[in-house]
Amino acid sequence: MSIPSVSIPSVLRSLLTAPGPSGYEATAAAVWREAASAFGAQVAGDVMGSSTARVAGTAGGPTLAIVGHIDEIGLIVTSIEDGGMLRFTGVGGWDPQVLIGQRVELQSKGGAVQGVIGRKPIHLLEADDRKKVQELKALHIDVGAKDGEQAASMVRVGDVAVIAGEPLELPNGRAASRAMDNRLGCFVALEAGRLVAERGGAPGDVVAIAAVQEETTFGGSRTSAHALEPDLAIAVDVTHATDAPGLDESEHGRHRFGSGPVIERGSNLHPAVSELLIEVAEAEGIPYTLAASARHTGTDADAIHISRGGVPTGLVSLPLRYMHSPVEMVDLGDVAATARLLAAFAMSLPVDAGFER
């Protein structure tokens, strides 16, 4: 039996392989800006490192910002020991168990430095210690240095690292990689802008944004929303796919691979924006599921919606397995469907759309 396979889009692959922990996103941002320039968008950056790609509107309609964050979780060197080992902490939220035994690539002044994450071997752990959850302070990075002086000639305190490894294409249109959270979101924002440009433009400007520092401060989305002053915005992020073992769909919702984008409704999301997203999905025949948030969403939407006098904000997410790990997995069909939804949403916005309530 033939099992269907789908290739990772080349731009997405380039984004996934570019290092870019929060605060150190320049390499990934350069990939995103180059891809935006390729379809004729007006591309700009700012002092934070966020990027915008504007597709001009055709009828003076509302300016729509589509925001994905381009930063990923990573590691940062905090000290160099005399023996040459590097101590580190997380940039963003890590499960330390995931890190044991991983290969890493450090971004140093002289270029990439390869290393591995180690800990005391299990054979040498006391019986009680074997049962304990490991903490980051018990781990170290080994770059093969013979001593601290040599290690300090290779890397500096403050250098960051990402997990090493190429994206993996799997059967049934699935793909796994580090940094899916949230290179997927900024790729979808970019792809939605490209689709709008391909159709000759929406009634108003569509501005795709690759925001920085979501995993640490929401800094990029906060400053971008303030500077841009959009009439409305859609944050694009990932959420937990619920078709993996151990997840209770009665608690987390039913968001399976192949079910399309997840449209969120909640107390800090504008109800009219959420309803328009639902209406467009149904009109276009795009599958979707609904999610609810009672207080905050944990995404850039939390910062965007309170920018200046307030921005009507929606949230669309992609179902993702194994979040905050080196093997985050997505259904590429869901990625394409989400980009189509947001492009159709932009094209359908009335010139006189208003969101007062």
Protein backbone atom coordinates (compact mmCIF):
# COMPACT_ATOMS: atom_id res chain seq x y z
CA MET A 1 0.00 0.00 0.00
CA SER A 2 1.32 3.42 -0.94
CA ILE A 3 1.50 5.88 1.95
CA PRO A 4 1.03 9.52 0.90
CA SER A 5 3.89 11.92 1.56
CA VAL A 6 4.15 15.71 1.40
CA SER A 7 7.39 17.68 1.28
CA ILE A 8 8.14 20.45 3.73
CA PRO A 9 7.87 23.77 1.83
CA SER A 10 11.34 25.11 1.09
CA VAL A 11 10.80 28.40 2.95
CA LEU A 12 9.53 26.56 6.02
CA ARG A 13 12.50 24.19 5.91
CA SER A 14 14.89 27.15 5.77
CA LEU A 15 13.12 28.75 8.73
CA LEU A 16 13.26 25.53 10.75
CA THR A 17 16.99 25.09 10.21
CA ALA A 18 17.91 28.70 11.03
CA PRO A 19 18.88 29.21 14.69
CA GLY A 20 16.96 31.90 16.55
CA PRO A 21 16.33 31.68 20.29
CA SER A 22 14.51 34.61 21.89
CA GLY A 23 16.64 37.73 21.62
CA TYR A 24 18.96 36.16 19.04
CA GLU A 25 16.61 35.81 16.05
CA ALA A 26 18.66 37.61 13.36
CA THR A 27 19.51 34.55 11.25
CA ALA A 28 15.91 33.31 11.12
CA ALA A 29 14.64 36.85 10.50
CA ALA A 30 16.93 37.20 7.49
CA VAL A 31 15.42 34.04 5.96
CA TRP A 32 11.90 35.37 6.54
CA ARG A 33 12.64 38.81 5.07
CA GLU A 34 14.23 37.32 1.96
CA ALA A 35 11.19 35.11 1.38
CA ALA A 36 8.85 38.11 1.82
CA SER A 37 10.84 40.18 -0.67
CA ALA A 38 10.51 37.39 -3.23
CA PHE A 39 6.77 38.00 -3.67
CA GLY A 40 7.06 41.79 -3.72
CA ALA A 41 6.02 42.69 -0.18
CA GLN A 42 7.31 45.89 1.40
CA VAL A 43 9.75 44.49 3.95
CA ALA A 44 11.09 46.23 7.04
CA GLY A 45 12.72 45.46 10.38
CA ASP A 46 13.04 47.29 13.67
CA VAL A 47 15.45 47.65 16.58
CA MET A 48 13.86 44.72 18.39
CA GLY A 49 14.54 42.43 15.43
CA SER A 50 10.91 41.93 14.39
CA SER A 51 10.10 41.91 10.68
CA THR A 52 7.12 43.14 8.68
CA ALA A 53 5.98 42.35 5.14
CA ARG A 54 3.26 44.68 3.89
CA VAL A 55 0.96 43.90 0.96
CA ALA A 56 -0.78 47.11 -0.04
CA GLY A 57 -4.56 47.22 -0.01
CA THR A 58 -6.72 48.16 -2.98
CA ALA A 59 -9.66 50.06 -1.48
CA GLY A 60 -8.64 51.85 1.70
CA GLY A 61 -9.95 49.07 3.94
CA PRO A 62 -8.75 48.17 7.43
CA THR A 63 -5.12 47.25 8.05
CA LEU A 64 -4.82 43.65 9.16
CA ALA A 65 -1.74 42.42 11.03
CA ILE A 66 -1.06 38.66 10.93
CA VAL A 67 1.48 37.91 13.63
CA GLY A 68 3.61 34.83 14.17
CA HIS A 69 6.65 34.77 16.44
CA ILE A 70 9.97 33.83 14.94
CA ASP A 71 11.87 33.07 18.13
CA GLU A 72 12.31 29.56 19.46
CA ILE A 73 13.26 28.17 22.84
CA GLY A 74 16.98 27.64 23.27
CA LEU A 75 19.82 27.54 25.76
CA ILE A 76 22.27 30.20 26.96
CA VAL A 77 25.73 29.67 28.44
CA THR A 78 25.94 30.98 32.02
CA SER A 79 29.45 29.88 33.01
CA ILE A 80 32.53 28.01 31.80
CA GLU A 81 34.09 25.56 34.25
CA ASP A 82 37.83 25.01 34.67
CA GLY A 83 37.48 21.55 33.18
CA GLY A 84 35.96 22.98 29.99
CA MET A 85 32.31 22.12 30.58
CA LEU A 86 29.64 24.76 29.97
CA ARG A 87 26.82 25.43 32.38
CA PHE A 88 23.63 26.79 30.90
CA THR A 89 20.03 27.68 31.48
CA GLY A 90 16.97 27.71 29.25
CA VAL A 91 15.82 30.54 27.02
CA GLY A 92 12.11 29.84 27.29
CA GLY A 93 10.52 26.81 28.90
CA TRP A 94 12.27 23.44 28.72
CA ASP A 95 11.55 20.04 30.19
CA PRO A 96 15.11 19.09 31.32
CA GLN A 97 14.39 15.40 30.64
CA VAL A 98 14.14 16.21 26.94
CA LEU A 99 17.62 17.73 26.87
CA ILE A 100 19.66 14.81 28.21
CA GLY A 101 21.84 13.36 25.46
CA GLN A 102 20.94 15.94 22.81
CA ARG A 103 23.40 17.36 20.30
CA VAL A 104 23.50 21.16 20.24
CA GLU A 105 24.85 23.92 18.06
CA LEU A 106 26.15 27.02 19.84
CA GLN A 107 26.16 30.38 18.10
CA SER A 108 29.55 31.91 18.90
CA LYS A 109 31.34 35.01 17.65
CA GLY A 110 33.53 32.79 15.49
CA GLY A 111 30.67 30.71 14.06
CA ALA A 112 28.80 27.57 14.97
CA VAL A 113 30.27 25.30 17.66
CA GLN A 114 29.04 21.74 18.07
CA GLY A 115 28.48 20.14 21.44
CA VAL A 116 26.46 17.61 23.40
CA ILE A 117 24.40 17.82 26.58
CA GLY A 118 25.61 15.47 29.27
CA ARG A 119 24.97 14.50 32.87
CA LYS A 120 26.32 11.93 35.30
CA PRO A 121 25.72 8.48 33.74
CA ILE A 122 22.80 6.55 35.17
CA HIS A 123 25.21 3.80 36.33
CA LEU A 124 26.80 6.28 38.75
CA LEU A 125 23.59 7.76 40.14
CA GLU A 126 22.44 6.75 43.59
CA ALA A 127 19.25 4.68 43.58
CA ASP A 128 17.13 7.57 44.89
CA ASP A 129 18.60 9.98 42.34
CA ARG A 130 17.58 7.70 39.48
CA LYS A 131 13.95 8.26 40.42
CA LYS A 132 14.22 12.06 40.57
CA VAL A 133 13.34 14.44 37.78
CA GLN A 134 16.59 15.98 36.58
CA GLU A 135 17.06 19.74 36.89
CA LEU A 136 18.90 21.95 34.41
CA LYS A 137 21.63 22.58 36.98
CA ALA A 138 22.52 18.88 36.81
CA LEU A 139 23.26 19.11 33.08
CA HIS A 140 26.20 20.55 31.16
CA ILE A 141 27.31 21.13 27.58
CA ASP A 142 30.49 19.40 26.44
CA VAL A 143 32.16 20.96 23.37
CA GLY A 144 35.20 18.67 23.56
CA ALA A 145 37.46 21.30 25.10
CA LYS A 146 40.48 20.03 27.06
CA ASP A 147 40.10 22.73 29.72
CA GLY A 148 38.31 25.95 30.60
CA GLU A 149 40.80 28.13 28.76
CA GLN A 150 40.23 26.29 25.49
CA ALA A 151 36.46 26.29 26.02
CA ALA A 152 36.57 30.07 26.59
CA SER A 153 38.39 30.47 23.27
CA MET A 154 35.49 28.69 21.54
CA VAL A 155 32.43 30.18 23.26
CA ARG A 156 31.58 33.01 25.65
CA VAL A 157 29.13 33.40 28.47
CA GLY A 158 25.93 34.66 26.83
CA ASP A 159 26.30 32.56 23.68
CA VAL A 160 23.11 30.68 22.83
CA ALA A 161 22.49 27.18 21.56
CA VAL A 162 19.77 25.27 19.76
CA ILE A 163 19.20 21.55 19.36
CA ALA A 164 21.03 20.22 16.31
CA GLY A 165 19.17 18.17 13.71
CA GLU A 166 17.44 18.39 10.36
CA PRO A 167 13.66 18.50 9.86
CA LEU A 168 12.16 15.08 9.28
CA GLU A 169 9.50 14.32 6.66
CA LEU A 170 7.12 11.58 7.75
CA PRO A 171 4.26 9.70 6.07
CA ASN A 172 0.78 11.20 5.66
CA GLY A 173 2.05 14.76 5.26
CA ARG A 174 3.53 15.00 8.73
CA ALA A 175 6.84 16.61 9.64
CA ALA A 176 8.91 16.87 12.80
CA SER A 177 11.54 19.40 13.80
CA ARG A 178 12.69 21.71 16.54
CA ALA A 179 11.36 25.29 16.30
CA MET A 180 7.97 24.39 14.84
CA ASP A 181 6.88 26.61 17.74
CA ASN A 182 6.65 29.05 16.19
CA ARG A 183 8.34 29.16 12.79
CA LEU A 184 5.01 27.66 11.74
CA GLY A 185 3.19 30.83 12.79
CA CYS A 186 5.49 33.24 11.02
CA PHE A 187 5.51 30.98 7.94
CA VAL A 188 1.69 30.97 7.90
CA ALA A 189 1.65 34.78 8.24
CA LEU A 190 4.10 35.03 5.36
CA GLU A 191 2.19 32.53 3.21
CA ALA A 192 -1.11 34.32 3.86
CA GLY A 193 0.51 37.55 2.70
CA ARG A 194 1.82 35.82 -0.42
CA LEU A 195 -1.62 34.43 -1.26
CA VAL A 196 -3.17 37.88 -0.83
CA ALA A 197 -0.51 39.40 -3.09
CA GLU A 198 -1.15 36.66 -5.65
CA ARG A 199 -4.82 37.67 -5.73
CA GLY A 200 -3.99 41.32 -6.31
CA GLY A 201 -4.36 42.56 -2.74
CA ALA A 202 -7.09 42.74 -0.10
CA PRO A 203 -9.37 45.75 0.52
CA GLY A 204 -6.89 47.00 3.14
CA ASP A 205 -3.19 46.54 3.82
CA VAL A 206 -2.17 43.10 5.04
CA VAL A 207 0.96 43.15 7.17
CA ALA A 208 2.61 39.84 7.99
CA ILE A 209 4.77 40.11 11.11
CA ALA A 210 7.54 37.83 12.35
CA ALA A 211 7.72 38.99 15.96
CA VAL A 212 10.62 38.35 18.31
CA GLN A 213 10.82 37.34 21.98
CA GLU A 214 7.40 35.71 22.42
CA GLU A 215 8.88 32.90 24.48
CA THR A 216 10.28 35.35 27.04
CA THR A 217 8.54 38.77 27.09
CA PHE A 218 6.07 39.19 24.19
CA GLY A 219 8.40 42.08 23.37
CA GLY A 220 8.22 41.87 19.58
CA SER A 221 4.46 41.71 19.28
CA ARG A 222 4.01 44.44 21.90
CA THR A 223 6.29 46.91 20.11
CA SER A 224 5.15 45.95 16.60
CA ALA A 225 1.49 46.46 17.46
CA HIS A 226 2.29 49.82 19.05
CA ALA A 227 4.26 51.01 16.02
CA LEU A 228 1.96 49.63 13.32
CA GLU A 229 -1.40 50.59 14.89
CA PRO A 230 -3.36 47.94 12.95
CA ASP A 231 -7.13 48.08 12.77
CA LEU A 232 -7.25 44.41 13.73
CA ALA A 233 -4.82 41.55 14.22
CA ILE A 234 -4.63 37.77 14.13
CA ALA A 235 -1.99 35.99 16.20
CA VAL A 236 -0.87 32.66 14.73
CA ASP A 237 0.68 30.13 17.08
CA VAL A 238 0.59 26.43 17.96
CA THR A 239 -1.58 24.50 20.37
CA HIS A 240 -1.53 20.94 21.65
CA ALA A 241 -2.70 18.28 19.22
CA THR A 242 -4.90 15.98 21.25
CA ASP A 243 -4.48 12.75 19.29
CA ALA A 244 -1.28 11.72 21.10
CA PRO A 245 -1.37 9.22 23.98
CA GLY A 246 -2.20 10.49 27.45
CA LEU A 247 -4.19 13.58 26.47
CA ASP A 248 -7.77 13.99 27.64
CA GLU A 249 -9.90 15.60 24.92
CA SER A 250 -12.57 16.47 27.44
CA GLU A 251 -10.02 18.69 29.12
CA HIS A 252 -7.97 19.97 26.18
CA GLY A 253 -10.47 19.90 23.32
CA ARG A 254 -10.52 17.81 20.17
CA HIS A 255 -7.73 19.14 17.97
CA ARG A 256 -6.43 16.26 15.91
CA PHE A 257 -4.05 16.18 12.98
CA GLY A 258 -5.99 16.92 9.81
CA SER A 259 -8.73 18.86 11.59
CA GLY A 260 -7.41 22.19 10.34
CA PRO A 261 -6.71 25.43 12.20
CA VAL A 262 -7.91 25.97 15.75
CA ILE A 263 -9.94 29.17 16.12
CA GLU A 264 -9.89 30.39 19.68
CA ARG A 265 -12.64 32.23 21.51
CA GLY A 266 -12.06 33.86 24.86
CA SER A 267 -12.21 36.83 27.17
CA ASN A 268 -9.29 38.76 25.67
CA LEU A 269 -10.10 37.89 22.06
CA HIS A 270 -12.53 40.08 20.12
CA PRO A 271 -15.76 38.12 19.53
CA ALA A 272 -16.42 39.74 16.15
CA VAL A 273 -12.98 38.71 14.88
CA SER A 274 -13.49 35.14 16.06
CA GLU A 275 -16.93 34.98 14.42
CA LEU A 276 -15.57 36.33 11.12
CA LEU A 277 -12.86 33.67 11.15
CA ILE A 278 -15.50 30.98 11.67
CA GLU A 279 -17.71 32.38 8.92
CA VAL A 280 -14.82 32.50 6.44
CA ALA A 281 -13.72 28.95 7.29
CA GLU A 282 -17.22 27.64 6.66
CA ALA A 283 -17.68 29.66 3.46
CA GLU A 284 -14.35 28.38 2.10
CA GLY A 285 -14.92 24.78 3.18
CA ILE A 286 -11.84 24.84 5.43
CA PRO A 287 -12.06 22.42 8.38
CA TYR A 288 -11.49 23.94 11.81
CA THR A 289 -11.96 23.30 15.49
CA LEU A 290 -12.75 25.69 18.34
CA ALA A 291 -10.85 26.32 21.55
CA ALA A 292 -11.67 28.49 24.55
CA SER A 293 -9.52 30.57 26.89
CA ALA A 294 -10.99 31.98 30.08
CA ARG A 295 -8.29 34.52 30.94
CA HIS A 296 -5.10 34.72 28.87
CA THR A 297 -4.00 32.71 25.84
CA GLY A 298 -0.25 32.48 26.50
CA THR A 299 0.39 33.87 22.99
CA ASP A 300 1.21 37.19 21.36
CA ALA A 301 -2.52 37.93 21.35
CA ASP A 302 -2.19 38.78 25.05
CA ALA A 303 0.11 41.70 24.25
CA ILE A 304 -1.43 42.82 20.97
CA HIS A 305 -5.01 43.27 22.15
CA ILE A 306 -4.07 45.90 24.77
CA SER A 307 -1.74 47.94 22.55
CA ARG A 308 -2.49 51.68 22.60
CA GLY A 309 -6.28 52.03 22.83
CA GLY A 310 -6.84 48.34 22.08
CA VAL A 311 -6.61 46.18 18.95
CA PRO A 312 -9.44 43.79 17.96
CA THR A 313 -7.52 40.54 18.05
CA GLY A 314 -8.13 36.94 17.06
CA LEU A 315 -6.06 33.80 17.60
CA VAL A 316 -5.61 30.91 15.19
CA SER A 317 -3.42 27.96 16.18
CA LEU A 318 -1.98 24.84 14.60
CA PRO A 319 -2.30 21.45 16.32
CA LEU A 320 1.20 20.38 17.35
CA ARG A 321 2.51 17.25 19.02
CA TYR A 322 5.43 17.20 21.49
CA MET A 323 5.57 20.97 22.05
CA HIS A 324 8.84 22.43 23.36
CA SER A 325 10.89 19.45 22.28
CA PRO A 326 13.32 18.74 19.40
CA VAL A 327 10.66 16.64 17.64
CA GLU A 328 7.65 18.95 17.47
CA MET A 329 5.32 17.41 14.88
CA VAL A 330 2.70 18.99 12.62
CA ASP A 331 0.37 17.98 9.81
CA LEU A 332 1.44 20.02 6.78
CA GLY A 333 -2.14 19.97 5.50
CA ASP A 334 -3.16 21.93 8.59
CA VAL A 335 -0.43 24.47 7.84
CA ALA A 336 -1.69 25.02 4.29
CA ALA A 337 -5.31 25.22 5.47
CA THR A 338 -4.44 27.87 8.06
CA ALA A 339 -2.69 30.04 5.48
CA ARG A 340 -5.70 29.73 3.16
CA LEU A 341 -8.06 30.71 5.98
CA LEU A 342 -6.13 33.85 6.85
CA ALA A 343 -5.76 34.92 3.22
CA ALA A 344 -9.49 34.45 2.66
CA PHE A 345 -10.21 36.33 5.89
CA ALA A 346 -8.13 39.28 4.66
CA MET A 347 -9.80 39.26 1.26
CA SER A 348 -13.28 39.21 2.81
CA LEU A 349 -12.89 42.13 5.24
CA PRO A 350 -15.40 44.90 4.40
CA VAL A 351 -13.89 48.27 3.59
CA ASP A 352 -15.96 49.82 6.38
CA ALA A 353 -15.40 47.05 8.92
CA GLY A 354 -15.87 48.32 12.46
CA PHE A 355 -15.23 46.58 15.77
CA GLU A 356 -16.57 48.97 18.38
CA ARG A 357 -18.66 47.31 21.08
